[in-house]
Full PDB file with SEQRES, HELIX, SHEET, SSBOND, CRYST1, ORIGX, SCALE, CONECT and MASTER records, all heavy atoms in Angstrom:
SEQRES   1 A   37  ALA VAL GLU SER ALA ASP VAL ALA PHE THR GLY HIS ASP          
SEQRES   2 A   37  LEU ARG LEU LEU PRO GLN ALA LEU ALA HIS ALA ARG ARG          
SEQRES   3 A   37  GLY ARG ALA ILE MET THR GLN ASN VAL VAL LEU                  
HELIX    1 AA1 LEU A   16  VAL A   36  1                                  21    
CRYST1    1.000    1.000    1.000  90.00  90.00  90.00 P 1           1          
ORIGX1      1.000000  0.000000  0.000000        0.00000                         
ORIGX2      0.000000  1.000000  0.000000        0.00000                         
ORIGX3      0.000000  0.000000  1.000000        0.00000                         
SCALE1      1.000000  0.000000  0.000000        0.00000                         
SCALE2      0.000000  1.000000  0.000000        0.00000                         
SCALE3      0.000000  0.000000  1.000000        0.00000                         
ATOM      1  N   ALA A   1     162.470 128.824 112.456  1.00  0.00           N  
ATOM      2  CA  ALA A   1     163.597 129.476 111.787  1.00  0.00           C  
ATOM      3  C   ALA A   1     163.924 130.800 112.461  1.00  0.00           C  
ATOM      4  O   ALA A   1     165.084 131.106 112.728  1.00  0.00           O  
ATOM      5  CB  ALA A   1     163.280 129.685 110.308  1.00  0.00           C  
ATOM      6  N   VAL A   2     162.900 131.588 112.742  1.00  0.00           N  
ATOM      7  CA  VAL A   2     163.110 132.895 113.372  1.00  0.00           C  
ATOM      8  C   VAL A   2     163.743 132.735 114.752  1.00  0.00           C  
ATOM      9  O   VAL A   2     164.661 133.465 115.120  1.00  0.00           O  
ATOM     10  CB  VAL A   2     161.780 133.685 113.445  1.00  0.00           C  
ATOM     11  CG1 VAL A   2     161.939 134.956 114.265  1.00  0.00           C  
ATOM     12  CG2 VAL A   2     161.285 134.018 112.037  1.00  0.00           C  
ATOM     13  N   GLU A   3     163.275 131.761 115.522  1.00  0.00           N  
ATOM     14  CA  GLU A   3     163.811 131.557 116.868  1.00  0.00           C  
ATOM     15  C   GLU A   3     165.229 131.009 116.847  1.00  0.00           C  
ATOM     16  O   GLU A   3     166.010 131.275 117.759  1.00  0.00           O  
ATOM     17  CB  GLU A   3     162.895 130.620 117.666  1.00  0.00           C  
ATOM     18  CG  GLU A   3     161.588 131.292 118.068  1.00  0.00           C  
ATOM     19  CD  GLU A   3     160.648 130.351 118.826  1.00  0.00           C  
ATOM     20  OE1 GLU A   3     161.152 129.338 119.366  1.00  0.00           O  
ATOM     21  OE2 GLU A   3     159.452 130.642 118.865  1.00  0.00           O  
ATOM     22  N   SER A   4     165.593 130.248 115.832  1.00  0.00           N  
ATOM     23  CA  SER A   4     166.933 129.664 115.746  1.00  0.00           C  
ATOM     24  C   SER A   4     167.972 130.646 115.223  1.00  0.00           C  
ATOM     25  O   SER A   4     169.165 130.446 115.428  1.00  0.00           O  
ATOM     26  CB  SER A   4     166.918 128.436 114.819  1.00  0.00           C  
ATOM     27  OG  SER A   4     166.040 127.458 115.307  1.00  0.00           O  
ATOM     28  N   ALA A   5     167.522 131.679 114.546  1.00  0.00           N  
ATOM     29  CA  ALA A   5     168.438 132.614 113.894  1.00  0.00           C  
ATOM     30  C   ALA A   5     168.946 133.686 114.854  1.00  0.00           C  
ATOM     31  O   ALA A   5     168.334 133.968 115.878  1.00  0.00           O  
ATOM     32  CB  ALA A   5     167.729 133.270 112.713  1.00  0.00           C  
ATOM     33  N   ASP A   6     170.083 134.275 114.473  1.00  0.00           N  
ATOM     34  CA  ASP A   6     170.640 135.407 115.221  1.00  0.00           C  
ATOM     35  C   ASP A   6     170.019 136.720 114.759  1.00  0.00           C  
ATOM     36  O   ASP A   6     169.924 137.672 115.513  1.00  0.00           O  
ATOM     37  CB  ASP A   6     172.160 135.472 115.018  1.00  0.00           C  
ATOM     38  CG  ASP A   6     172.851 134.207 115.482  1.00  0.00           C  
ATOM     39  OD1 ASP A   6     172.766 133.903 116.681  1.00  0.00           O  
ATOM     40  OD2 ASP A   6     173.456 133.518 114.638  1.00  0.00           O  
ATOM     41  N   VAL A   7     169.634 136.757 113.492  1.00  0.00           N  
ATOM     42  CA  VAL A   7     169.079 137.954 112.872  1.00  0.00           C  
ATOM     43  C   VAL A   7     167.809 137.552 112.142  1.00  0.00           C  
ATOM     44  O   VAL A   7     167.774 136.506 111.497  1.00  0.00           O  
ATOM     45  CB  VAL A   7     170.066 138.569 111.849  1.00  0.00           C  
ATOM     46  CG1 VAL A   7     169.464 139.770 111.150  1.00  0.00           C  
ATOM     47  CG2 VAL A   7     171.386 138.924 112.502  1.00  0.00           C  
ATOM     48  N   ALA A   8     166.767 138.353 112.249  1.00  0.00           N  
ATOM     49  CA  ALA A   8     165.538 138.084 111.493  1.00  0.00           C  
ATOM     50  C   ALA A   8     165.142 139.338 110.725  1.00  0.00           C  
ATOM     51  O   ALA A   8     164.972 140.404 111.316  1.00  0.00           O  
ATOM     52  CB  ALA A   8     164.410 137.672 112.435  1.00  0.00           C  
ATOM     53  N   PHE A   9     165.042 139.209 109.417  1.00  0.00           N  
ATOM     54  CA  PHE A   9     164.565 140.305 108.583  1.00  0.00           C  
ATOM     55  C   PHE A   9     163.048 140.255 108.559  1.00  0.00           C  
ATOM     56  O   PHE A   9     162.461 139.180 108.436  1.00  0.00           O  
ATOM     57  CB  PHE A   9     165.104 140.175 107.157  1.00  0.00           C  
ATOM     58  CG  PHE A   9     166.529 140.609 107.002  1.00  0.00           C  
ATOM     59  CD1 PHE A   9     167.564 139.702 107.139  1.00  0.00           C  
ATOM     60  CD2 PHE A   9     166.841 141.928 106.728  1.00  0.00           C  
ATOM     61  CE1 PHE A   9     168.879 140.095 107.002  1.00  0.00           C  
ATOM     62  CE2 PHE A   9     168.152 142.337 106.591  1.00  0.00           C  
ATOM     63  CZ  PHE A   9     169.174 141.417 106.725  1.00  0.00           C  
ATOM     64  N   THR A  10     162.416 141.405 108.684  1.00  0.00           N  
ATOM     65  CA  THR A  10     160.959 141.431 108.633  1.00  0.00           C  
ATOM     66  C   THR A  10     160.468 141.389 107.195  1.00  0.00           C  
ATOM     67  O   THR A  10     159.338 141.005 106.944  1.00  0.00           O  
ATOM     68  CB  THR A  10     160.396 142.695 109.324  1.00  0.00           C  
ATOM     69  OG1 THR A  10     160.977 143.845 108.720  1.00  0.00           O  
ATOM     70  CG2 THR A  10     160.713 142.670 110.803  1.00  0.00           C  
ATOM     71  N   GLY A  11     161.314 141.751 106.262  1.00  0.00           N  
ATOM     72  CA  GLY A  11     160.931 141.698 104.851  1.00  0.00           C  
ATOM     73  C   GLY A  11     161.393 140.407 104.216  1.00  0.00           C  
ATOM     74  O   GLY A  11     162.099 139.607 104.822  1.00  0.00           O  
ATOM     75  N   HIS A  12     161.006 140.199 102.969  1.00  0.00           N  
ATOM     76  CA  HIS A  12     161.400 138.992 102.254  1.00  0.00           C  
ATOM     77  C   HIS A  12     162.306 139.288 101.068  1.00  0.00           C  
ATOM     78  O   HIS A  12     162.701 138.380 100.353  1.00  0.00           O  
ATOM     79  CB  HIS A  12     160.156 138.228 101.782  1.00  0.00           C  
ATOM     80  CG  HIS A  12     159.342 138.989 100.781  1.00  0.00           C  
ATOM     81  ND1 HIS A  12     158.418 139.922 101.160  1.00  0.00           N  
ATOM     82  CD2 HIS A  12     159.355 138.962  99.433  1.00  0.00           C  
ATOM     83  CE1 HIS A  12     157.868 140.444 100.069  1.00  0.00           C  
ATOM     84  NE2 HIS A  12     158.418 139.883  99.014  1.00  0.00           N  
ATOM     85  N   ASP A  13     162.650 140.559 100.866  1.00  0.00           N  
ATOM     86  CA  ASP A  13     163.495 140.955  99.738  1.00  0.00           C  
ATOM     87  C   ASP A  13     164.945 140.570 100.034  1.00  0.00           C  
ATOM     88  O   ASP A  13     165.564 141.097 100.952  1.00  0.00           O  
ATOM     89  CB  ASP A  13     163.369 142.470  99.521  1.00  0.00           C  
ATOM     90  CG  ASP A  13     164.031 142.928  98.235  1.00  0.00           C  
ATOM     91  OD1 ASP A  13     164.995 142.282  97.784  1.00  0.00           O  
ATOM     92  OD2 ASP A  13     163.588 143.952  97.683  1.00  0.00           O  
ATOM     93  N   LEU A  14     165.502 139.652  99.249  1.00  0.00           N  
ATOM     94  CA  LEU A  14     166.867 139.166  99.475  1.00  0.00           C  
ATOM     95  C   LEU A  14     167.927 140.246  99.296  1.00  0.00           C  
ATOM     96  O   LEU A  14     169.042 140.103  99.776  1.00  0.00           O  
ATOM     97  CB  LEU A  14     167.155 137.985  98.541  1.00  0.00           C  
ATOM     98  CG  LEU A  14     166.347 136.723  98.815  1.00  0.00           C  
ATOM     99  CD1 LEU A  14     166.595 135.677  97.731  1.00  0.00           C  
ATOM    100  CD2 LEU A  14     166.680 136.156 100.178  1.00  0.00           C  
ATOM    101  N   ARG A  15     167.592 141.347  98.612  1.00  0.00           N  
ATOM    102  CA  ARG A  15     168.572 142.424  98.430  1.00  0.00           C  
ATOM    103  C   ARG A  15     168.880 143.126  99.739  1.00  0.00           C  
ATOM    104  O   ARG A  15     169.843 143.878  99.837  1.00  0.00           O  
ATOM    105  CB  ARG A  15     168.067 143.424  97.386  1.00  0.00           C  
ATOM    106  CG  ARG A  15     168.100 142.830  95.978  1.00  0.00           C  
ATOM    107  CD  ARG A  15     167.375 143.696  95.001  1.00  0.00           C  
ATOM    108  NE  ARG A  15     165.972 143.815  95.418  1.00  0.00           N  
ATOM    109  CZ  ARG A  15     165.055 144.476  94.737  1.00  0.00           C  
ATOM    110  NH1 ARG A  15     165.382 145.069  93.612  1.00  0.00           N  
ATOM    111  NH2 ARG A  15     163.814 144.529  95.166  1.00  0.00           N  
ATOM    112  N   LEU A  16     168.063 142.876 100.776  1.00  0.00           N  
ATOM    113  CA  LEU A  16     168.366 143.425 102.099  1.00  0.00           C  
ATOM    114  C   LEU A  16     169.669 142.848 102.650  1.00  0.00           C  
ATOM    115  O   LEU A  16     170.363 143.496 103.438  1.00  0.00           O  
ATOM    116  CB  LEU A  16     167.229 143.116 103.079  1.00  0.00           C  
ATOM    117  CG  LEU A  16     165.880 143.773 102.799  1.00  0.00           C  
ATOM    118  CD1 LEU A  16     164.807 143.194 103.716  1.00  0.00           C  
ATOM    119  CD2 LEU A  16     165.973 145.280 102.977  1.00  0.00           C  
ATOM    120  N   LEU A  17     170.012 141.637 102.247  1.00  0.00           N  
ATOM    121  CA  LEU A  17     171.200 140.967 102.784  1.00  0.00           C  
ATOM    122  C   LEU A  17     172.500 141.691 102.429  1.00  0.00           C  
ATOM    123  O   LEU A  17     173.269 142.037 103.326  1.00  0.00           O  
ATOM    124  CB  LEU A  17     171.231 139.509 102.327  1.00  0.00           C  
ATOM    125  CG  LEU A  17     170.033 138.677 102.768  1.00  0.00           C  
ATOM    126  CD1 LEU A  17     169.994 137.349 102.028  1.00  0.00           C  
ATOM    127  CD2 LEU A  17     170.058 138.462 104.262  1.00  0.00           C  
ATOM    128  N   PRO A  18     172.798 141.932 101.137  1.00  0.00           N  
ATOM    129  CA  PRO A  18     174.042 142.656 100.839  1.00  0.00           C  
ATOM    130  C   PRO A  18     174.020 144.088 101.375  1.00  0.00           C  
ATOM    131  O   PRO A  18     175.065 144.621 101.761  1.00  0.00           O  
ATOM    132  CB  PRO A  18     174.133 142.620  99.305  1.00  0.00           C  
ATOM    133  CG  PRO A  18     172.775 142.258  98.824  1.00  0.00           C  
ATOM    134  CD  PRO A  18     172.118 141.475  99.916  1.00  0.00           C  
ATOM    135  N   GLN A  19     172.831 144.705 101.428  1.00  0.00           N  
ATOM    136  CA  GLN A  19     172.749 146.060 101.999  1.00  0.00           C  
ATOM    137  C   GLN A  19     173.122 146.044 103.475  1.00  0.00           C  
ATOM    138  O   GLN A  19     173.868 146.888 103.951  1.00  0.00           O  
ATOM    139  CB  GLN A  19     171.339 146.621 101.821  1.00  0.00           C  
ATOM    140  CG  GLN A  19     170.983 146.996 100.398  1.00  0.00           C  
ATOM    141  CD  GLN A  19     169.536 147.465 100.276  1.00  0.00           C  
ATOM    142  OE1 GLN A  19     168.926 147.899 101.235  1.00  0.00           O  
ATOM    143  NE2 GLN A  19     168.989 147.387  99.074  1.00  0.00           N  
ATOM    144  N   ALA A  20     172.586 145.056 104.213  1.00  0.00           N  
ATOM    145  CA  ALA A  20     172.876 144.954 105.647  1.00  0.00           C  
ATOM    146  C   ALA A  20     174.355 144.665 105.877  1.00  0.00           C  
ATOM    147  O   ALA A  20     174.975 145.235 106.784  1.00  0.00           O  
ATOM    148  CB  ALA A  20     172.013 143.872 106.280  1.00  0.00           C  
ATOM    149  N   LEU A  21     174.937 143.804 105.055  1.00  0.00           N  
ATOM    150  CA  LEU A  21     176.350 143.472 105.198  1.00  0.00           C  
ATOM    151  C   LEU A  21     177.223 144.692 104.928  1.00  0.00           C  
ATOM    152  O   LEU A  21     178.165 144.975 105.684  1.00  0.00           O  
ATOM    153  CB  LEU A  21     176.717 142.328 104.252  1.00  0.00           C  
ATOM    154  CG  LEU A  21     178.159 141.853 104.304  1.00  0.00           C  
ATOM    155  CD1 LEU A  21     178.529 141.353 105.701  1.00  0.00           C  
ATOM    156  CD2 LEU A  21     178.397 140.765 103.268  1.00  0.00           C  
ATOM    157  N   ALA A  22     176.918 145.421 103.871  1.00  0.00           N  
ATOM    158  CA  ALA A  22     177.691 146.627 103.555  1.00  0.00           C  
ATOM    159  C   ALA A  22     177.566 147.655 104.675  1.00  0.00           C  
ATOM    160  O   ALA A  22     178.548 148.301 105.063  1.00  0.00           O  
ATOM    161  CB  ALA A  22     177.213 147.229 102.225  1.00  0.00           C  
ATOM    162  N   HIS A  23     176.351 147.798 105.214  1.00  0.00           N  
ATOM    163  CA  HIS A  23     176.126 148.757 106.300  1.00  0.00           C  
ATOM    164  C   HIS A  23     176.911 148.347 107.551  1.00  0.00           C  
ATOM    165  O   HIS A  23     177.520 149.189 108.225  1.00  0.00           O  
ATOM    166  CB  HIS A  23     174.633 148.851 106.604  1.00  0.00           C  
ATOM    167  CG  HIS A  23     174.275 149.917 107.577  1.00  0.00           C  
ATOM    168  ND1 HIS A  23     174.479 151.262 107.326  1.00  0.00           N  
ATOM    169  CD2 HIS A  23     173.728 149.857 108.820  1.00  0.00           C  
ATOM    170  CE1 HIS A  23     174.081 151.971 108.372  1.00  0.00           C  
ATOM    171  NE2 HIS A  23     173.620 151.135 109.288  1.00  0.00           N  
ATOM    172  N   ALA A  24     176.922 147.054 107.865  1.00  0.00           N  
ATOM    173  CA  ALA A  24     177.655 146.571 109.038  1.00  0.00           C  
ATOM    174  C   ALA A  24     179.159 146.782 108.876  1.00  0.00           C  
ATOM    175  O   ALA A  24     179.840 147.205 109.818  1.00  0.00           O  
ATOM    176  CB  ALA A  24     177.346 145.096 109.265  1.00  0.00           C  
ATOM    177  N   ARG A  25     179.676 146.508 107.689  1.00  0.00           N  
ATOM    178  CA  ARG A  25     181.112 146.705 107.447  1.00  0.00           C  
ATOM    179  C   ARG A  25     181.485 148.189 107.561  1.00  0.00           C  
ATOM    180  O   ARG A  25     182.526 148.540 108.108  1.00  0.00           O  
ATOM    181  CB  ARG A  25     181.487 146.173 106.062  1.00  0.00           C  
ATOM    182  CG  ARG A  25     181.527 144.665 106.011  1.00  0.00           C  
ATOM    183  CD  ARG A  25     181.842 144.169 104.619  1.00  0.00           C  
ATOM    184  NE  ARG A  25     182.127 142.740 104.642  1.00  0.00           N  
ATOM    185  CZ  ARG A  25     182.246 141.987 103.552  1.00  0.00           C  
ATOM    186  NH1 ARG A  25     182.095 142.532 102.360  1.00  0.00           N  
ATOM    187  NH2 ARG A  25     182.503 140.711 103.651  1.00  0.00           N  
ATOM    188  N   ARG A  26     180.621 149.029 107.038  1.00  0.00           N  
ATOM    189  CA  ARG A  26     180.875 150.474 107.119  1.00  0.00           C  
ATOM    190  C   ARG A  26     180.831 150.942 108.571  1.00  0.00           C  
ATOM    191  O   ARG A  26     181.670 151.728 109.010  1.00  0.00           O  
ATOM    192  CB  ARG A  26     179.818 151.206 106.282  1.00  0.00           C  
ATOM    193  CG  ARG A  26     180.045 152.693 106.171  1.00  0.00           C  
ATOM    194  CD  ARG A  26     179.138 153.259 105.075  1.00  0.00           C  
ATOM    195  NE  ARG A  26     179.244 154.693 105.054  1.00  0.00           N  
ATOM    196  CZ  ARG A  26     178.454 155.508 105.741  1.00  0.00           C  
ATOM    197  NH1 ARG A  26     177.493 155.021 106.492  1.00  0.00           N  
ATOM    198  NH2 ARG A  26     178.614 156.809 105.684  1.00  0.00           N  
ATOM    199  N   GLY A  27     179.847 150.452 109.331  1.00  0.00           N  
ATOM    200  CA  GLY A  27     179.749 150.811 110.744  1.00  0.00           C  
ATOM    201  C   GLY A  27     180.970 150.370 111.527  1.00  0.00           C  
ATOM    202  O   GLY A  27     181.480 151.105 112.380  1.00  0.00           O  
ATOM    203  N   ARG A  28     181.460 149.175 111.220  1.00  0.00           N  
ATOM    204  CA  ARG A  28     182.659 148.679 111.913  1.00  0.00           C  
ATOM    205  C   ARG A  28     183.878 149.546 111.583  1.00  0.00           C  
ATOM    206  O   ARG A  28     184.700 149.846 112.457  1.00  0.00           O  
ATOM    207  CB  ARG A  28     182.912 147.230 111.516  1.00  0.00           C  
ATOM    208  CG  ARG A  28     184.106 146.646 112.222  1.00  0.00           C  
ATOM    209  CD  ARG A  28     184.300 145.185 111.889  1.00  0.00           C  
ATOM    210  NE  ARG A  28     185.479 144.702 112.577  1.00  0.00           N  
ATOM    211  CZ  ARG A  28     185.695 143.444 112.847  1.00  0.00           C  
ATOM    212  NH1 ARG A  28     184.792 142.547 112.524  1.00  0.00           N  
ATOM    213  NH2 ARG A  28     186.785 143.072 113.445  1.00  0.00           N  
ATOM    214  N   ALA A  29     184.011 149.943 110.318  1.00  0.00           N  
ATOM    215  CA  ALA A  29     185.133 150.802 109.925  1.00  0.00           C  
ATOM    216  C   ALA A  29     185.082 152.136 110.661  1.00  0.00           C  
ATOM    217  O   ALA A  29     186.111 152.646 111.123  1.00  0.00           O  
ATOM    218  CB  ALA A  29     185.115 151.025 108.409  1.00  0.00           C  
ATOM    219  N   ILE A  30     183.884 152.697 110.798  1.00  0.00           N  
ATOM    220  CA  ILE A  30     183.731 153.975 111.508  1.00  0.00           C  
ATOM    221  C   ILE A  30     184.079 153.807 112.986  1.00  0.00           C  
ATOM    222  O   ILE A  30     184.761 154.648 113.572  1.00  0.00           O  
ATOM    223  CB  ILE A  30     182.300 154.526 111.324  1.00  0.00           C  
ATOM    224  CG1 ILE A  30     182.106 154.993 109.874  1.00  0.00           C  
ATOM    225  CG2 ILE A  30     182.014 155.668 112.301  1.00  0.00           C  
ATOM    226  CD1 ILE A  30     180.680 155.334 109.507  1.00  0.00           C  
ATOM    227  N   MET A  31     183.620 152.706 113.603  1.00  0.00           N  
ATOM    228  CA  MET A  31     183.957 152.459 115.006  1.00  0.00           C  
ATOM    229  C   MET A  31     185.461 152.315 115.197  1.00  0.00           C  
ATOM    230  O   MET A  31     186.032 152.835 116.159  1.00  0.00           O  
ATOM    231  CB  MET A  31     183.243 151.205 115.521  1.00  0.00           C  
ATOM    232  CG  MET A  31     181.768 151.400 115.770  1.00  0.00           C  
ATOM    233  SD  MET A  31     181.006 150.015 116.637  1.00  0.00           S  
ATOM    234  CE  MET A  31     181.156 148.718 115.445  1.00  0.00           C  
ATOM    235  N   THR A  32     186.119 151.625 114.265  1.00  0.00           N  
ATOM    236  CA  THR A  32     187.571 151.451 114.350  1.00  0.00           C  
ATOM    237  C   THR A  32     188.273 152.800 114.258  1.00  0.00           C  
ATOM    238  O   THR A  32     189.211 153.074 115.011  1.00  0.00           O  
ATOM    239  CB  THR A  32     188.064 150.503 113.238  1.00  0.00           C  
ATOM    240  OG1 THR A  32     187.388 149.254 113.370  1.00  0.00           O  
ATOM    241  CG2 THR A  32     189.560 150.290 113.317  1.00  0.00           C  
ATOM    242  N   GLN A  33     187.818 153.651 113.345  1.00  0.00           N  
ATOM    243  CA  GLN A  33     188.390 154.994 113.228  1.00  0.00           C  
ATOM    244  C   GLN A  33     188.261 155.753 114.545  1.00  0.00           C  
ATOM    245  O   GLN A  33     189.205 156.407 114.996  1.00  0.00           O  
ATOM    246  CB  GLN A  33     187.679 155.779 112.122  1.00  0.00           C  
ATOM    247  CG  GLN A  33     187.918 155.283 110.721  1.00  0.00           C  
ATOM    248  CD  GLN A  33     186.967 155.925 109.718  1.00  0.00           C  
ATOM    249  OE1 GLN A  33     186.176 156.810 110.049  1.00  0.00           O  
ATOM    250  NE2 GLN A  33     187.020 155.448 108.483  1.00  0.00           N  
ATOM    251  N   ASN A  34     187.074 155.672 115.156  1.00  0.00           N  
ATOM    252  CA  ASN A  34     186.831 156.395 116.403  1.00  0.00           C  
ATOM    253  C   ASN A  34     187.708 155.883 117.546  1.00  0.00           C  
ATOM    254  O   ASN A  34     188.219 156.669 118.341  1.00  0.00           O  
ATOM    255  CB  ASN A  34     185.363 156.318 116.798  1.00  0.00           C  
ATOM    256  CG  ASN A  34     184.495 157.238 115.954  1.00  0.00           C  
ATOM    257  OD1 ASN A  34     184.997 158.116 115.264  1.00  0.00           O  
ATOM    258  ND2 ASN A  34     183.195 157.034 115.992  1.00  0.00           N  
ATOM    259  N   VAL A  35     187.885 154.573 117.623  1.00  0.00           N  
ATOM    260  CA  VAL A  35     188.731 154.002 118.677  1.00  0.00           C  
ATOM    261  C   VAL A  35     190.182 154.437 118.475  1.00  0.00           C  
ATOM    262  O   VAL A  35     190.857 154.847 119.429  1.00  0.00           O  
ATOM    263  CB  VAL A  35     188.609 152.459 118.705  1.00  0.00           C  
ATOM    264  CG1 VAL A  35     189.676 151.835 119.585  1.00  0.00           C  
ATOM    265  CG2 VAL A  35     187.223 152.049 119.191  1.00  0.00           C  
ATOM    266  N   VAL A  36     190.674 154.350 117.244  1.00  0.00           N  
ATOM    267  CA  VAL A  36     192.057 154.751 116.951  1.00  0.00           C  
ATOM    268  C   VAL A  36     192.265 156.228 117.280  1.00  0.00           C  
ATOM    269  O   VAL A  36     193.259 156.606 117.910  1.00  0.00           O  
ATOM    270  CB  VAL A  36     192.412 154.456 115.475  1.00  0.00           C  
ATOM    271  CG1 VAL A  36     193.723 155.113 115.084  1.00  0.00           C  
ATOM    272  CG2 VAL A  36     192.476 152.955 115.249  1.00  0.00           C  
ATOM    273  N   LEU A  37     191.320 157.081 116.882  1.00  0.00           N  
ATOM    274  CA  LEU A  37     191.424 158.513 117.166  1.00  0.00           C  
ATOM    275  C   LEU A  37     191.431 158.773 118.666  1.00  0.00           C  
ATOM    276  O   LEU A  37     192.252 159.555 119.165  1.00  0.00           O  
ATOM    277  CB  LEU A  37     190.264 159.269 116.506  1.00  0.00           C  
ATOM    278  CG  LEU A  37     190.189 160.774 116.765  1.00  0.00           C  
ATOM    279  CD1 LEU A  37     191.423 161.474 116.229  1.00  0.00           C  
ATOM    280  CD2 LEU A  37     188.937 161.369 116.161  1.00  0.00           C  
TER     281      LEU A  37                                                      
MASTER        0    0    0    1    0    0    0    6  280    1    0    3          
END                                                                             
């Protein structure tokens, strides 16, 4: 499973998933702001 996946979480807490998604979306928004500026 780990080798087939694009991302591997070292923990088993499923709440890491929405946190990671929110963080990625926020990072993308910041990058977009920087490119536009």
